[in-house]
Amino acid sequence: MQSPLLLLPGMMCDARLFQPQFTAFSATRPVMTAPLSGASTIPELAAHIFGAAPERFALAGLSMGGIVAMEMARQAPERIERIALLDTNPLAEPPDRAAAREPQIADVRAGGLRRVMRDEMKPNYLADGPNQGAILDLCMAMAETLGPAVFESQSRALQIRPDQSDTLRGLNIPALVLCGAEDSLCPLERHTLMRDLLPDATLEVIEGAGHLPTLEQPDATNAALLRWLER
């Protein structure tokens, strides 16, 4: 049996974000995911996930999941066999973006989770394509399942997240940096930065995808993940 693969989802997403990856890889290795809940800082989330994780594993995180994955690599790099960072950002939150989260949190507290997801977050997620509507519906379903308290705790964690540039410089394991070509939330330059910081990294850009290539272009994403897993 090959080493386990741990997948960390993005903000307000759950294991459904990775359904195509479970289908592709679970016949040959243990595949698991962990919710990004139960803590309000990135370091606490990372420590919480380690508590339930295998002793050593391949780690892939998308968006906020990638941010948590980088923190896990900072805390215990010896437990991570290889790392994949998908549509994510190694930098600390800029002050203007941190401030912009406050009205979103207030709106969600007042019962506006569906509106915030529909009007402010979902339009930035995806490239145009025939499956866009179904994927957006799934995003809404995942967010509503997780609920307002998780939205607030995740938002707070992102507001005060640490810069992980030094972590990446010291992480000499097989690494994949992957993004959708049309990702406006975490654009290509963030991924070229991560590729350049990591000592042993490959950059893959998925055409026809935005922020969620695992769902938008699963075949191309799975092929890139397989190349990384077999390195």
C-alpha atoms as a PDB file:
ATOM      1  CA  MET A   1       0.000   0.000   0.000  1.00  0.00           C
ATOM      2  CA  GLN A   2       1.319   3.433  -0.913  1.00  0.00           C
ATOM      3  CA  SER A   3       1.669   6.209   1.647  1.00  0.00           C
ATOM      4  CA  PRO A   4      -1.499   8.026   2.768  1.00  0.00           C
ATOM      5  CA  LEU A   5      -2.672  11.178   1.030  1.00  0.00           C
ATOM      6  CA  LEU A   6      -4.186  13.875   3.266  1.00  0.00           C
ATOM      7  CA  LEU A   7      -6.269  16.529   1.480  1.00  0.00           C
ATOM      8  CA  LEU A   8      -7.114  19.864   3.120  1.00  0.00           C
ATOM      9  CA  PRO A   9     -10.065  21.799   1.658  1.00  0.00           C
ATOM     10  CA  GLY A  10     -10.473  25.513   1.113  1.00  0.00           C
ATOM     11  CA  MET A  11     -12.520  27.980   3.120  1.00  0.00           C
ATOM     12  CA  MET A  12     -16.132  26.844   3.603  1.00  0.00           C
ATOM     13  CA  CYS A  13     -15.461  23.598   1.742  1.00  0.00           C
ATOM     14  CA  ASP A  14     -15.411  19.987   2.886  1.00  0.00           C
ATOM     15  CA  ALA A  15     -14.425  16.603   1.461  1.00  0.00           C
ATOM     16  CA  ARG A  16     -16.759  17.112  -1.497  1.00  0.00           C
ATOM     17  CA  LEU A  17     -14.170  19.502  -2.937  1.00  0.00           C
ATOM     18  CA  PHE A  18     -11.961  16.445  -3.533  1.00  0.00           C
ATOM     19  CA  GLN A  19     -14.474  13.850  -4.705  1.00  0.00           C
ATOM     20  CA  PRO A  20     -12.684  13.355  -8.074  1.00  0.00           C
ATOM     21  CA  GLN A  21      -9.404  12.840  -6.229  1.00  0.00           C
ATOM     22  CA  PHE A  22     -10.892  10.264  -3.850  1.00  0.00           C
ATOM     23  CA  THR A  23     -12.200   8.419  -6.898  1.00  0.00           C
ATOM     24  CA  ALA A  24      -8.841   8.570  -8.702  1.00  0.00           C
ATOM     25  CA  PHE A  25      -6.475   7.648  -5.875  1.00  0.00           C
ATOM     26  CA  SER A  26      -8.303   5.663  -3.193  1.00  0.00           C
ATOM     27  CA  ALA A  27      -7.813   2.321  -4.943  1.00  0.00           C
ATOM     28  CA  THR A  28      -4.042   2.493  -4.463  1.00  0.00           C
ATOM     29  CA  ARG A  29      -3.519   4.432  -1.228  1.00  0.00           C
ATOM     30  CA  PRO A  30      -5.413   5.654   1.843  1.00  0.00           C
ATOM     31  CA  VAL A  31      -6.988   9.008   1.013  1.00  0.00           C
ATOM     32  CA  MET A  32      -8.412  11.189   3.760  1.00  0.00           C
ATOM     33  CA  THR A  33      -9.387  14.747   4.502  1.00  0.00           C
ATOM     34  CA  ALA A  34      -9.682  16.893   7.611  1.00  0.00           C
ATOM     35  CA  PRO A  35     -12.109  19.734   8.338  1.00  0.00           C
ATOM     36  CA  LEU A  36     -10.685  23.195   8.933  1.00  0.00           C
ATOM     37  CA  SER A  37     -12.692  23.812  12.086  1.00  0.00           C
ATOM     38  CA  GLY A  38     -12.299  23.656  15.833  1.00  0.00           C
ATOM     39  CA  ALA A  39      -9.715  26.460  16.091  1.00  0.00           C
ATOM     40  CA  SER A  40      -9.402  30.134  15.192  1.00  0.00           C
ATOM     41  CA  THR A  41      -5.741  30.367  14.205  1.00  0.00           C
ATOM     42  CA  ILE A  42      -3.771  28.646  11.456  1.00  0.00           C
ATOM     43  CA  PRO A  43      -1.184  27.181  13.901  1.00  0.00           C
ATOM     44  CA  GLU A  44      -3.954  25.713  16.084  1.00  0.00           C
ATOM     45  CA  LEU A  45      -5.690  24.208  13.049  1.00  0.00           C
ATOM     46  CA  ALA A  46      -2.419  22.617  11.923  1.00  0.00           C
ATOM     47  CA  ALA A  47      -1.758  21.113  15.349  1.00  0.00           C
ATOM     48  CA  HIS A  48      -5.329  19.819  15.548  1.00  0.00           C
ATOM     49  CA  ILE A  49      -5.015  18.054  12.181  1.00  0.00           C
ATOM     50  CA  PHE A  50      -1.681  16.493  13.118  1.00  0.00           C
ATOM     51  CA  GLY A  51      -3.394  14.918  16.128  1.00  0.00           C
ATOM     52  CA  ALA A  52      -5.562  12.754  13.866  1.00  0.00           C
ATOM     53  CA  ALA A  53      -3.161  12.303  10.933  1.00  0.00           C
ATOM     54  CA  PRO A  54      -0.977   9.284  10.088  1.00  0.00           C
ATOM     55  CA  GLU A  55       2.602   9.350  11.292  1.00  0.00           C
ATOM     56  CA  ARG A  56       3.877  10.240   7.806  1.00  0.00           C
ATOM     57  CA  PHE A  57       1.898  11.176   4.697  1.00  0.00           C
ATOM     58  CA  ALA A  58       1.663  13.104   1.455  1.00  0.00           C
ATOM     59  CA  LEU A  59      -0.097  16.432   2.043  1.00  0.00           C
ATOM     60  CA  ALA A  60      -2.141  18.494  -0.419  1.00  0.00           C
ATOM     61  CA  GLY A  61      -4.084  21.643   0.422  1.00  0.00           C
ATOM     62  CA  LEU A  62      -6.208  23.972  -1.683  1.00  0.00           C
ATOM     63  CA  SER A  63      -6.596  27.680  -0.853  1.00  0.00           C
ATOM     64  CA  MET A  64      -7.008  27.910   2.947  1.00  0.00           C
ATOM     65  CA  GLY A  65      -6.085  24.228   3.043  1.00  0.00           C
ATOM     66  CA  GLY A  66      -2.778  25.124   1.419  1.00  0.00           C
ATOM     67  CA  ILE A  67      -2.192  27.794   4.050  1.00  0.00           C
ATOM     68  CA  VAL A  68      -2.759  25.213   6.785  1.00  0.00           C
ATOM     69  CA  ALA A  69      -0.530  22.730   4.922  1.00  0.00           C
ATOM     70  CA  MET A  70       2.332  25.233   4.912  1.00  0.00           C
ATOM     71  CA  GLU A  71       1.916  25.716   8.664  1.00  0.00           C
ATOM     72  CA  MET A  72       1.974  21.935   9.153  1.00  0.00           C
ATOM     73  CA  ALA A  73       5.229  21.867   7.194  1.00  0.00           C
ATOM     74  CA  ARG A  74       6.587  24.530   9.545  1.00  0.00           C
ATOM     75  CA  GLN A  75       5.544  22.646  12.689  1.00  0.00           C
ATOM     76  CA  ALA A  76       6.601  19.089  11.804  1.00  0.00           C
ATOM     77  CA  PRO A  77       8.274  18.785   8.391  1.00  0.00           C
ATOM     78  CA  GLU A  78       9.569  15.311   9.246  1.00  0.00           C
ATOM     79  CA  ARG A  79       6.011  13.950   9.097  1.00  0.00           C
ATOM     80  CA  ILE A  80       5.335  15.199   5.564  1.00  0.00           C
ATOM     81  CA  GLU A  81       6.662  13.036   2.746  1.00  0.00           C
ATOM     82  CA  ARG A  82       5.730  15.494  -0.034  1.00  0.00           C
ATOM     83  CA  ILE A  83       3.525  18.559  -0.362  1.00  0.00           C
ATOM     84  CA  ALA A  84       1.143  19.960  -2.972  1.00  0.00           C
ATOM     85  CA  LEU A  85      -0.034  23.570  -2.717  1.00  0.00           C
ATOM     86  CA  LEU A  86      -3.076  24.318  -4.860  1.00  0.00           C
ATOM     87  CA  ASP A  87      -4.527  27.767  -5.553  1.00  0.00           C
ATOM     88  CA  THR A  88      -3.127  29.235  -2.360  1.00  0.00           C
ATOM     89  CA  ASN A  89      -0.974  32.040  -0.994  1.00  0.00           C
ATOM     90  CA  PRO A  90       2.167  31.881   1.209  1.00  0.00           C
ATOM     91  CA  LEU A  91       1.953  35.506   2.338  1.00  0.00           C
ATOM     92  CA  ALA A  92       0.354  37.066   5.401  1.00  0.00           C
ATOM     93  CA  GLU A  93      -3.017  38.750   4.966  1.00  0.00           C
ATOM     94  CA  PRO A  94      -2.703  42.370   3.747  1.00  0.00           C
ATOM     95  CA  PRO A  95      -4.331  44.889   6.134  1.00  0.00           C
ATOM     96  CA  ASP A  96      -6.938  45.972   3.593  1.00  0.00           C
ATOM     97  CA  ARG A  97      -8.049  42.395   2.989  1.00  0.00           C
ATOM     98  CA  ALA A  98      -8.159  41.696   6.724  1.00  0.00           C
ATOM     99  CA  ALA A  99     -10.357  44.763   7.198  1.00  0.00           C
ATOM    100  CA  ALA A 100     -12.648  43.726   4.348  1.00  0.00           C
ATOM    101  CA  ARG A 101     -13.484  40.527   6.222  1.00  0.00           C
ATOM    102  CA  GLU A 102     -15.134  42.434   9.067  1.00  0.00           C
ATOM    103  CA  PRO A 103     -18.356  43.423   7.248  1.00  0.00           C
ATOM    104  CA  GLN A 104     -18.585  39.894   5.846  1.00  0.00           C
ATOM    105  CA  ILE A 105     -18.366  38.443   9.357  1.00  0.00           C
ATOM    106  CA  ALA A 106     -20.995  40.881  10.607  1.00  0.00           C
ATOM    107  CA  ASP A 107     -23.293  40.015   7.704  1.00  0.00           C
ATOM    108  CA  VAL A 108     -22.901  36.286   8.318  1.00  0.00           C
ATOM    109  CA  ARG A 109     -23.566  36.727  12.058  1.00  0.00           C
ATOM    110  CA  ALA A 110     -26.821  38.490  11.104  1.00  0.00           C
ATOM    111  CA  GLY A 111     -27.957  35.540   9.016  1.00  0.00           C
ATOM    112  CA  GLY A 112     -26.429  36.499   5.685  1.00  0.00           C
ATOM    113  CA  LEU A 113     -24.164  33.514   4.993  1.00  0.00           C
ATOM    114  CA  ARG A 114     -25.987  32.610   1.803  1.00  0.00           C
ATOM    115  CA  ARG A 115     -25.863  36.188   0.544  1.00  0.00           C
ATOM    116  CA  VAL A 116     -22.147  36.597   1.314  1.00  0.00           C
ATOM    117  CA  MET A 117     -21.317  33.346  -0.443  1.00  0.00           C
ATOM    118  CA  ARG A 118     -23.552  34.141  -3.405  1.00  0.00           C
ATOM    119  CA  ASP A 119     -22.639  37.784  -3.984  1.00  0.00           C
ATOM    120  CA  GLU A 120     -19.110  38.243  -2.676  1.00  0.00           C
ATOM    121  CA  MET A 121     -17.285  34.928  -2.808  1.00  0.00           C
ATOM    122  CA  LYS A 122     -18.736  32.568  -5.392  1.00  0.00           C
ATOM    123  CA  PRO A 123     -18.376  34.925  -8.400  1.00  0.00           C
ATOM    124  CA  ASN A 124     -14.601  34.932  -7.880  1.00  0.00           C
ATOM    125  CA  TYR A 125     -14.197  31.168  -7.717  1.00  0.00           C
ATOM    126  CA  LEU A 126     -14.571  29.654 -11.159  1.00  0.00           C
ATOM    127  CA  ALA A 127     -13.698  29.928 -14.814  1.00  0.00           C
ATOM    128  CA  ASP A 128     -16.528  29.889 -17.325  1.00  0.00           C
ATOM    129  CA  GLY A 129     -17.518  26.374 -18.305  1.00  0.00           C
ATOM    130  CA  PRO A 130     -20.438  23.981 -18.707  1.00  0.00           C
ATOM    131  CA  ASN A 131     -20.150  22.709 -15.126  1.00  0.00           C
ATOM    132  CA  GLN A 132     -19.919  26.118 -13.476  1.00  0.00           C
ATOM    133  CA  GLY A 133     -23.505  26.145 -12.218  1.00  0.00           C
ATOM    134  CA  ALA A 134     -23.301  22.691 -10.658  1.00  0.00           C
ATOM    135  CA  ILE A 135     -19.978  23.504  -8.977  1.00  0.00           C
ATOM    136  CA  LEU A 136     -21.298  26.779  -7.602  1.00  0.00           C
ATOM    137  CA  ASP A 137     -24.322  24.933  -6.227  1.00  0.00           C
ATOM    138  CA  LEU A 138     -21.976  22.467  -4.529  1.00  0.00           C
ATOM    139  CA  CYS A 139     -19.946  25.341  -3.062  1.00  0.00           C
ATOM    140  CA  MET A 140     -23.121  26.801  -1.598  1.00  0.00           C
ATOM    141  CA  ALA A 141     -24.145  23.424  -0.171  1.00  0.00           C
ATOM    142  CA  MET A 142     -20.750  22.939   1.480  1.00  0.00           C
ATOM    143  CA  ALA A 143     -20.856  26.438   2.982  1.00  0.00           C
ATOM    144  CA  GLU A 144     -24.353  25.990   4.348  1.00  0.00           C
ATOM    145  CA  THR A 145     -23.397  22.642   5.873  1.00  0.00           C
ATOM    146  CA  LEU A 146     -20.427  24.209   7.690  1.00  0.00           C
ATOM    147  CA  GLY A 147     -22.421  27.233   8.840  1.00  0.00           C
ATOM    148  CA  PRO A 148     -21.796  30.741  10.219  1.00  0.00           C
ATOM    149  CA  ALA A 149     -19.562  29.798  13.161  1.00  0.00           C
ATOM    150  CA  VAL A 150     -17.048  28.080  10.871  1.00  0.00           C
ATOM    151  CA  PHE A 151     -17.152  31.064   8.493  1.00  0.00           C
ATOM    152  CA  GLU A 152     -16.183  33.381  11.331  1.00  0.00           C
ATOM    153  CA  SER A 153     -13.465  31.155  12.788  1.00  0.00           C
ATOM    154  CA  GLN A 154     -11.912  30.569   9.360  1.00  0.00           C
ATOM    155  CA  SER A 155     -12.059  34.284   8.561  1.00  0.00           C
ATOM    156  CA  ARG A 156     -10.319  35.115  11.848  1.00  0.00           C
ATOM    157  CA  ALA A 157      -7.614  32.537  11.175  1.00  0.00           C
ATOM    158  CA  LEU A 158      -6.942  33.975   7.741  1.00  0.00           C
ATOM    159  CA  GLN A 159      -6.802  37.550   9.043  1.00  0.00           C
ATOM    160  CA  ILE A 160      -3.838  36.779  11.307  1.00  0.00           C
ATOM    161  CA  ARG A 161      -2.106  34.054   9.325  1.00  0.00           C
ATOM    162  CA  PRO A 162       1.705  34.055   9.280  1.00  0.00           C
ATOM    163  CA  ASP A 163       3.938  34.531   6.270  1.00  0.00           C
ATOM    164  CA  GLN A 164       5.339  31.132   5.269  1.00  0.00           C
ATOM    165  CA  SER A 165       8.118  32.189   2.881  1.00  0.00           C
ATOM    166  CA  ASP A 166      10.859  30.962   5.221  1.00  0.00           C
ATOM    167  CA  THR A 167       9.008  27.687   5.733  1.00  0.00           C
ATOM    168  CA  LEU A 168       8.990  27.038   1.993  1.00  0.00           C
ATOM    169  CA  ARG A 169      12.678  27.920   1.604  1.00  0.00           C
ATOM    170  CA  GLY A 170      13.584  25.210   4.103  1.00  0.00           C
ATOM    171  CA  LEU A 171      11.235  22.500   2.819  1.00  0.00           C
ATOM    172  CA  ASN A 172      13.371  20.151   0.738  1.00  0.00           C
ATOM    173  CA  ILE A 173      10.772  17.529  -0.246  1.00  0.00           C
ATOM    174  CA  PRO A 174       9.007  16.840  -3.554  1.00  0.00           C
ATOM    175  CA  ALA A 175       6.571  19.712  -4.007  1.00  0.00           C
ATOM    176  CA  LEU A 176       3.819  20.518  -6.475  1.00  0.00           C
ATOM    177  CA  VAL A 177       2.557  24.062  -6.928  1.00  0.00           C
ATOM    178  CA  LEU A 178      -0.662  24.066  -8.957  1.00  0.00           C
ATOM    179  CA  CYS A 179      -3.218  26.678  -9.909  1.00  0.00           C
ATOM    180  CA  GLY A 180      -6.055  27.287 -12.305  1.00  0.00           C
ATOM    181  CA  ALA A 181      -4.991  29.565 -15.139  1.00  0.00           C
ATOM    182  CA  GLU A 182      -7.989  31.817 -14.414  1.00  0.00           C
ATOM    183  CA  ASP A 183      -7.702  31.940 -10.624  1.00  0.00           C
ATOM    184  CA  SER A 184      -8.344  35.575  -9.652  1.00  0.00           C
ATOM    185  CA  LEU A 185      -8.231  34.941  -5.888  1.00  0.00           C
ATOM    186  CA  CYS A 186      -4.738  33.398  -5.861  1.00  0.00           C
ATOM    187  CA  PRO A 187      -3.186  34.454  -9.173  1.00  0.00           C
ATOM    188  CA  LEU A 188      -0.306  32.858 -11.010  1.00  0.00           C
ATOM    189  CA  GLU A 189       2.357  35.164  -9.570  1.00  0.00           C
ATOM    190  CA  ARG A 190       1.709  33.773  -6.090  1.00  0.00           C
ATOM    191  CA  HIS A 191       2.393  30.307  -7.455  1.00  0.00           C
ATOM    192  CA  THR A 192       5.560  31.241  -9.292  1.00  0.00           C
ATOM    193  CA  LEU A 193       6.726  32.763  -5.993  1.00  0.00           C
ATOM    194  CA  MET A 194       6.081  29.484  -4.169  1.00  0.00           C
ATOM    195  CA  ARG A 195       7.771  27.490  -6.936  1.00  0.00           C
ATOM    196  CA  ASP A 196      10.831  29.713  -6.661  1.00  0.00           C
ATOM    197  CA  LEU A 197      10.933  29.529  -2.846  1.00  0.00           C
ATOM    198  CA  LEU A 198      10.687  25.727  -2.650  1.00  0.00           C
ATOM    199  CA  PRO A 199      13.942  23.812  -3.285  1.00  0.00           C
ATOM    200  CA  ASP A 200      12.289  20.927  -5.189  1.00  0.00           C
ATOM    201  CA  ALA A 201       9.073  22.167  -6.784  1.00  0.00           C
ATOM    202  CA  THR A 202       7.181  21.751 -10.049  1.00  0.00           C
ATOM    203  CA  LEU A 203       4.627  24.332 -11.198  1.00  0.00           C
ATOM    204  CA  GLU A 204       1.511  23.139 -13.034  1.00  0.00           C
ATOM    205  CA  VAL A 205      -1.062  25.572 -14.484  1.00  0.00           C
ATOM    206  CA  ILE A 206      -4.464  24.066 -15.259  1.00  0.00           C
ATOM    207  CA  GLU A 207      -6.158  25.601 -18.284  1.00  0.00           C
ATOM    208  CA  GLY A 208      -9.895  26.185 -18.144  1.00  0.00           C
ATOM    209  CA  ALA A 209      -9.934  26.386 -14.352  1.00  0.00           C
ATOM    210  CA  GLY A 210     -10.241  29.129 -11.784  1.00  0.00           C
ATOM    211  CA  HIS A 211      -9.863  28.725  -8.028  1.00  0.00           C
ATOM    212  CA  LEU A 212     -11.191  25.151  -7.772  1.00  0.00           C
ATOM    213  CA  PRO A 213      -9.387  23.032 -10.380  1.00  0.00           C
ATOM    214  CA  THR A 214     -10.063  19.842  -8.414  1.00  0.00           C
ATOM    215  CA  LEU A 215     -13.697  20.174  -9.531  1.00  0.00           C
ATOM    216  CA  GLU A 216     -13.411  22.343 -12.643  1.00  0.00           C
ATOM    217  CA  GLN A 217     -10.769  20.258 -14.437  1.00  0.00           C
ATOM    218  CA  PRO A 218     -10.441  17.052 -12.424  1.00  0.00           C
ATOM    219  CA  ASP A 219      -8.689  14.966 -15.087  1.00  0.00           C
ATOM    220  CA  ALA A 220      -5.887  17.485 -15.626  1.00  0.00           C
ATOM    221  CA  THR A 221      -5.591  18.086 -11.895  1.00  0.00           C
ATOM    222  CA  ASN A 222      -5.438  14.373 -11.122  1.00  0.00           C
ATOM    223  CA  ALA A 223      -2.775  13.863 -13.769  1.00  0.00           C
ATOM    224  CA  ALA A 224      -0.642  16.568 -12.167  1.00  0.00           C
ATOM    225  CA  LEU A 225      -1.184  15.094  -8.711  1.00  0.00           C
ATOM    226  CA  LEU A 226      -0.226  11.641  -9.969  1.00  0.00           C
ATOM    227  CA  ARG A 227       3.028  12.972 -11.422  1.00  0.00           C
ATOM    228  CA  TRP A 228       3.786  14.532  -8.040  1.00  0.00           C
ATOM    229  CA  LEU A 229       2.893  11.380  -6.103  1.00  0.00           C
ATOM    230  CA  GLU A 230       5.153   9.277  -8.330  1.00  0.00           C
ATOM    231  CA  ARG A 231       8.198  11.544  -8.162  1.00  0.00           C
END
